[in-house]
Amino acid sequence: MSKDDKNVGYNTIICRCEDISLGEIKAAIAEGHTTVDELKHYLRVGMGPCQSRTCGTLIAGIIARETGKPVDEVYPMIARPPYHPVMLGTLLNEE
């Protein structure tokens, strides 16, 4: 998503897993949530099945443009295990 893209509107979905729009992200940034981790806690972006592999860099770019911060200051978010989706039975040794 380039900053020159005129087709990206308020209702454009950025986080498909959690159905979070560009407008919701921009509103949260305006309220003071200015890192990917803060948005994750506030809006649940990046908490769906893809674990931000699809939307993480998009969200970081939006934050960087809206706040004027460099991308490396707002991303990556803090990764917590498990790093990949895991079946509950695997954790319980019930395979």
N, C-alpha and C. Protein backbone atom coordinates (compact mmCIF):
# COMPACT_ATOMS: atom_id res chain seq x y z
N MET A 1 0.84 -1.16 0.00
CA MET A 1 0.00 0.00 0.00
C MET A 1 0.89 1.23 0.00
N SER A 2 0.87 1.97 -1.07
CA SER A 2 1.70 3.17 -1.13
C SER A 2 0.92 4.36 -0.61
N LYS A 3 1.64 5.37 -0.16
CA LYS A 3 0.96 6.54 0.38
C LYS A 3 0.26 7.33 -0.72
N ASP A 4 0.54 7.03 -1.97
CA ASP A 4 -0.11 7.71 -3.09
C ASP A 4 -1.35 6.98 -3.58
N ASP A 5 -1.69 5.86 -2.97
CA ASP A 5 -2.82 5.06 -3.44
C ASP A 5 -4.13 5.72 -3.03
N LYS A 6 -4.83 6.29 -3.99
CA LYS A 6 -6.08 7.01 -3.74
C LYS A 6 -7.26 6.06 -3.55
N ASN A 7 -7.10 4.78 -3.85
CA ASN A 7 -8.19 3.81 -3.75
C ASN A 7 -8.33 3.20 -2.36
N VAL A 8 -7.40 3.50 -1.48
CA VAL A 8 -7.45 2.94 -0.13
C VAL A 8 -8.28 3.89 0.72
N GLY A 9 -9.44 3.42 1.17
CA GLY A 9 -10.35 4.25 1.95
C GLY A 9 -10.49 3.81 3.38
N TYR A 10 -11.27 4.55 4.11
CA TYR A 10 -11.51 4.33 5.53
C TYR A 10 -11.95 2.90 5.82
N ASN A 11 -12.78 2.34 4.94
CA ASN A 11 -13.34 1.01 5.18
C ASN A 11 -12.50 -0.14 4.62
N THR A 12 -11.35 0.17 4.05
CA THR A 12 -10.47 -0.88 3.52
C THR A 12 -9.98 -1.75 4.66
N ILE A 13 -10.18 -3.06 4.53
CA ILE A 13 -9.74 -4.00 5.58
C ILE A 13 -8.24 -4.20 5.48
N ILE A 14 -7.56 -3.96 6.57
CA ILE A 14 -6.10 -4.15 6.65
C ILE A 14 -5.79 -5.48 7.30
N CYS A 15 -6.43 -5.78 8.43
CA CYS A 15 -6.24 -7.06 9.11
C CYS A 15 -7.44 -7.93 8.76
N ARG A 16 -7.25 -8.84 7.82
CA ARG A 16 -8.35 -9.68 7.34
C ARG A 16 -8.81 -10.69 8.38
N CYS A 17 -7.90 -11.20 9.16
CA CYS A 17 -8.27 -12.22 10.16
C CYS A 17 -9.22 -11.65 11.22
N GLU A 18 -8.97 -10.42 11.63
CA GLU A 18 -9.77 -9.81 12.69
C GLU A 18 -10.74 -8.76 12.14
N ASP A 19 -10.77 -8.57 10.81
CA ASP A 19 -11.70 -7.66 10.15
C ASP A 19 -11.54 -6.22 10.66
N ILE A 20 -10.30 -5.73 10.69
CA ILE A 20 -10.00 -4.39 11.17
C ILE A 20 -9.69 -3.49 9.98
N SER A 21 -10.36 -2.35 9.91
CA SER A 21 -10.23 -1.45 8.76
C SER A 21 -9.14 -0.40 8.98
N LEU A 22 -8.77 0.24 7.87
CA LEU A 22 -7.81 1.33 7.90
C LEU A 22 -8.32 2.45 8.81
N GLY A 23 -9.59 2.75 8.71
CA GLY A 23 -10.17 3.81 9.55
C GLY A 23 -10.06 3.51 11.03
N GLU A 24 -10.30 2.26 11.41
CA GLU A 24 -10.19 1.88 12.82
C GLU A 24 -8.74 2.01 13.30
N ILE A 25 -7.82 1.63 12.44
CA ILE A 25 -6.40 1.73 12.80
C ILE A 25 -6.00 3.19 12.94
N LYS A 26 -6.39 4.04 11.98
CA LYS A 26 -6.05 5.46 12.06
C LYS A 26 -6.68 6.12 13.29
N ALA A 27 -7.90 5.75 13.62
CA ALA A 27 -8.56 6.31 14.81
C ALA A 27 -7.81 5.91 16.08
N ALA A 28 -7.36 4.66 16.16
CA ALA A 28 -6.62 4.19 17.33
C ALA A 28 -5.27 4.90 17.44
N ILE A 29 -4.63 5.14 16.30
CA ILE A 29 -3.35 5.87 16.31
C ILE A 29 -3.59 7.29 16.83
N ALA A 30 -4.67 7.92 16.37
CA ALA A 30 -5.00 9.28 16.82
C ALA A 30 -5.27 9.31 18.33
N GLU A 31 -5.74 8.20 18.89
CA GLU A 31 -5.98 8.11 20.33
C GLU A 31 -4.69 7.86 21.12
N GLY A 32 -3.57 7.61 20.42
CA GLY A 32 -2.29 7.45 21.11
C GLY A 32 -1.69 6.06 21.07
N HIS A 33 -2.29 5.12 20.36
CA HIS A 33 -1.74 3.77 20.23
C HIS A 33 -0.80 3.78 19.03
N THR A 34 0.50 3.96 19.28
CA THR A 34 1.43 4.26 18.19
C THR A 34 2.51 3.21 17.93
N THR A 35 2.29 1.99 18.39
CA THR A 35 3.18 0.89 18.01
C THR A 35 2.30 -0.29 17.60
N VAL A 36 2.88 -1.24 16.89
CA VAL A 36 2.12 -2.42 16.48
C VAL A 36 1.63 -3.17 17.71
N ASP A 37 2.46 -3.27 18.74
CA ASP A 37 2.04 -3.95 19.98
C ASP A 37 0.85 -3.25 20.64
N GLU A 38 0.88 -1.93 20.69
CA GLU A 38 -0.24 -1.21 21.30
C GLU A 38 -1.53 -1.44 20.52
N LEU A 39 -1.44 -1.41 19.18
CA LEU A 39 -2.61 -1.67 18.36
C LEU A 39 -3.09 -3.11 18.52
N LYS A 40 -2.15 -4.02 18.68
CA LYS A 40 -2.50 -5.42 18.89
C LYS A 40 -3.34 -5.57 20.15
N HIS A 41 -2.92 -4.92 21.21
CA HIS A 41 -3.65 -5.01 22.48
C HIS A 41 -4.99 -4.28 22.41
N TYR A 42 -5.03 -3.18 21.69
CA TYR A 42 -6.23 -2.36 21.64
C TYR A 42 -7.28 -2.86 20.64
N LEU A 43 -6.82 -3.24 19.42
CA LEU A 43 -7.74 -3.64 18.36
C LEU A 43 -7.72 -5.12 18.02
N ARG A 44 -6.74 -5.85 18.51
CA ARG A 44 -6.53 -7.27 18.18
C ARG A 44 -5.93 -7.48 16.79
N VAL A 45 -5.38 -6.44 16.17
CA VAL A 45 -4.74 -6.64 14.87
C VAL A 45 -3.58 -7.61 15.04
N GLY A 46 -3.41 -8.50 14.08
CA GLY A 46 -2.32 -9.45 14.14
C GLY A 46 -2.53 -10.61 15.09
N MET A 47 -3.72 -10.77 15.62
CA MET A 47 -3.97 -11.85 16.57
C MET A 47 -4.80 -12.98 15.99
N GLY A 48 -5.09 -12.91 14.70
CA GLY A 48 -5.85 -13.96 14.05
C GLY A 48 -4.96 -15.11 13.63
N PRO A 49 -5.47 -16.00 12.79
CA PRO A 49 -4.72 -17.18 12.36
C PRO A 49 -3.38 -16.87 11.69
N CYS A 50 -3.25 -15.74 11.02
CA CYS A 50 -1.98 -15.45 10.33
C CYS A 50 -0.93 -14.90 11.28
N GLN A 51 -1.33 -14.51 12.50
CA GLN A 51 -0.40 -13.97 13.49
C GLN A 51 0.43 -12.83 12.94
N SER A 52 -0.20 -11.94 12.20
CA SER A 52 0.35 -10.72 11.61
C SER A 52 1.30 -10.96 10.45
N ARG A 53 1.39 -12.17 9.96
CA ARG A 53 2.25 -12.42 8.80
C ARG A 53 1.71 -11.73 7.56
N THR A 54 0.42 -11.47 7.51
CA THR A 54 -0.18 -10.78 6.37
C THR A 54 -0.26 -9.28 6.60
N CYS A 55 -0.66 -8.85 7.78
CA CYS A 55 -0.95 -7.43 8.01
C CYS A 55 0.12 -6.68 8.79
N GLY A 56 1.05 -7.35 9.41
CA GLY A 56 2.02 -6.68 10.29
C GLY A 56 2.78 -5.55 9.64
N THR A 57 3.32 -5.79 8.46
CA THR A 57 4.10 -4.74 7.80
C THR A 57 3.20 -3.61 7.29
N LEU A 58 1.97 -3.95 6.89
CA LEU A 58 1.03 -2.91 6.48
C LEU A 58 0.71 -1.98 7.66
N ILE A 59 0.45 -2.57 8.80
CA ILE A 59 0.11 -1.80 9.99
C ILE A 59 1.29 -0.92 10.41
N ALA A 60 2.49 -1.48 10.38
CA ALA A 60 3.68 -0.70 10.73
C ALA A 60 3.85 0.49 9.79
N GLY A 61 3.59 0.28 8.50
CA GLY A 61 3.68 1.37 7.53
C GLY A 61 2.66 2.46 7.79
N ILE A 62 1.46 2.06 8.16
CA ILE A 62 0.40 3.03 8.47
C ILE A 62 0.80 3.86 9.69
N ILE A 63 1.28 3.19 10.73
CA ILE A 63 1.72 3.90 11.93
C ILE A 63 2.84 4.86 11.60
N ALA A 64 3.82 4.40 10.83
CA ALA A 64 4.96 5.25 10.47
C ALA A 64 4.49 6.50 9.72
N ARG A 65 3.59 6.33 8.77
CA ARG A 65 3.09 7.49 8.01
C ARG A 65 2.28 8.44 8.89
N GLU A 66 1.46 7.88 9.77
CA GLU A 66 0.59 8.71 10.61
C GLU A 66 1.36 9.45 11.70
N THR A 67 2.45 8.85 12.20
CA THR A 67 3.17 9.44 13.33
C THR A 67 4.48 10.11 12.95
N GLY A 68 4.98 9.79 11.75
CA GLY A 68 6.28 10.32 11.35
C GLY A 68 7.45 9.56 11.95
N LYS A 69 7.16 8.46 12.65
CA LYS A 69 8.22 7.62 13.23
C LYS A 69 8.77 6.68 12.18
N PRO A 70 10.04 6.27 12.32
CA PRO A 70 10.57 5.24 11.41
C PRO A 70 9.90 3.89 11.69
N VAL A 71 9.76 3.09 10.65
CA VAL A 71 9.10 1.79 10.77
C VAL A 71 9.76 0.92 11.83
N ASP A 72 11.09 0.93 11.91
CA ASP A 72 11.77 0.06 12.87
C ASP A 72 11.49 0.47 14.32
N GLU A 73 10.92 1.64 14.54
CA GLU A 73 10.56 2.06 15.89
C GLU A 73 9.19 1.53 16.31
N VAL A 74 8.36 1.19 15.34
CA VAL A 74 7.01 0.71 15.65
C VAL A 74 6.82 -0.77 15.38
N TYR A 75 7.79 -1.41 14.72
CA TYR A 75 7.68 -2.81 14.31
C TYR A 75 9.06 -3.43 14.34
N PRO A 76 9.29 -4.63 14.65
CA PRO A 76 8.32 -5.70 14.79
C PRO A 76 7.69 -5.70 16.17
N MET A 77 6.56 -6.37 16.24
CA MET A 77 5.93 -6.50 17.54
C MET A 77 6.63 -7.60 18.33
N ILE A 78 6.39 -7.62 19.60
CA ILE A 78 7.02 -8.60 20.47
C ILE A 78 6.39 -9.97 20.21
N ALA A 79 7.21 -10.92 19.81
CA ALA A 79 6.71 -12.28 19.54
C ALA A 79 6.74 -13.09 20.84
N ARG A 80 5.66 -13.78 21.05
CA ARG A 80 5.57 -14.64 22.23
C ARG A 80 5.24 -16.05 21.75
N PRO A 81 5.88 -17.07 22.32
CA PRO A 81 5.60 -18.43 21.88
C PRO A 81 4.15 -18.81 22.12
N PRO A 82 3.57 -19.71 21.36
CA PRO A 82 4.17 -20.37 20.21
C PRO A 82 4.23 -19.41 19.01
N TYR A 83 5.29 -19.54 18.25
CA TYR A 83 5.52 -18.67 17.09
C TYR A 83 4.69 -19.08 15.90
N HIS A 84 4.20 -20.29 15.89
CA HIS A 84 3.37 -20.81 14.81
C HIS A 84 2.13 -21.44 15.44
N PRO A 85 1.01 -21.48 14.72
CA PRO A 85 -0.18 -22.13 15.27
C PRO A 85 0.12 -23.57 15.69
N VAL A 86 -0.37 -23.94 16.85
CA VAL A 86 -0.12 -25.28 17.40
C VAL A 86 -1.46 -25.88 17.82
N MET A 87 -1.66 -27.14 17.50
CA MET A 87 -2.87 -27.83 17.93
C MET A 87 -2.82 -28.01 19.45
N LEU A 88 -3.94 -27.80 20.11
CA LEU A 88 -3.99 -27.93 21.56
C LEU A 88 -3.57 -29.34 22.01
N GLY A 89 -3.94 -30.36 21.22
CA GLY A 89 -3.55 -31.72 21.55
C GLY A 89 -2.04 -31.90 21.60
N THR A 90 -1.33 -31.15 20.76
CA THR A 90 0.14 -31.21 20.76
C THR A 90 0.68 -30.71 22.09
N LEU A 91 0.11 -29.64 22.58
CA LEU A 91 0.56 -29.09 23.88
C LEU A 91 0.23 -30.02 25.03
N LEU A 92 -0.84 -30.78 24.87
CA LEU A 92 -1.25 -31.70 25.93
C LEU A 92 -0.70 -33.11 25.73
N ASN A 93 0.14 -33.28 24.70
CA ASN A 93 0.72 -34.59 24.36
C ASN A 93 -0.35 -35.65 24.09
N GLU A 94 -1.43 -35.27 23.41
CA GLU A 94 -2.52 -36.18 23.11
C GLU A 94 -2.56 -36.57 21.64
N GLU A 95 -1.46 -36.49 20.96
CA GLU A 95 -1.44 -36.81 19.54
C GLU A 95 -1.50 -38.29 19.32
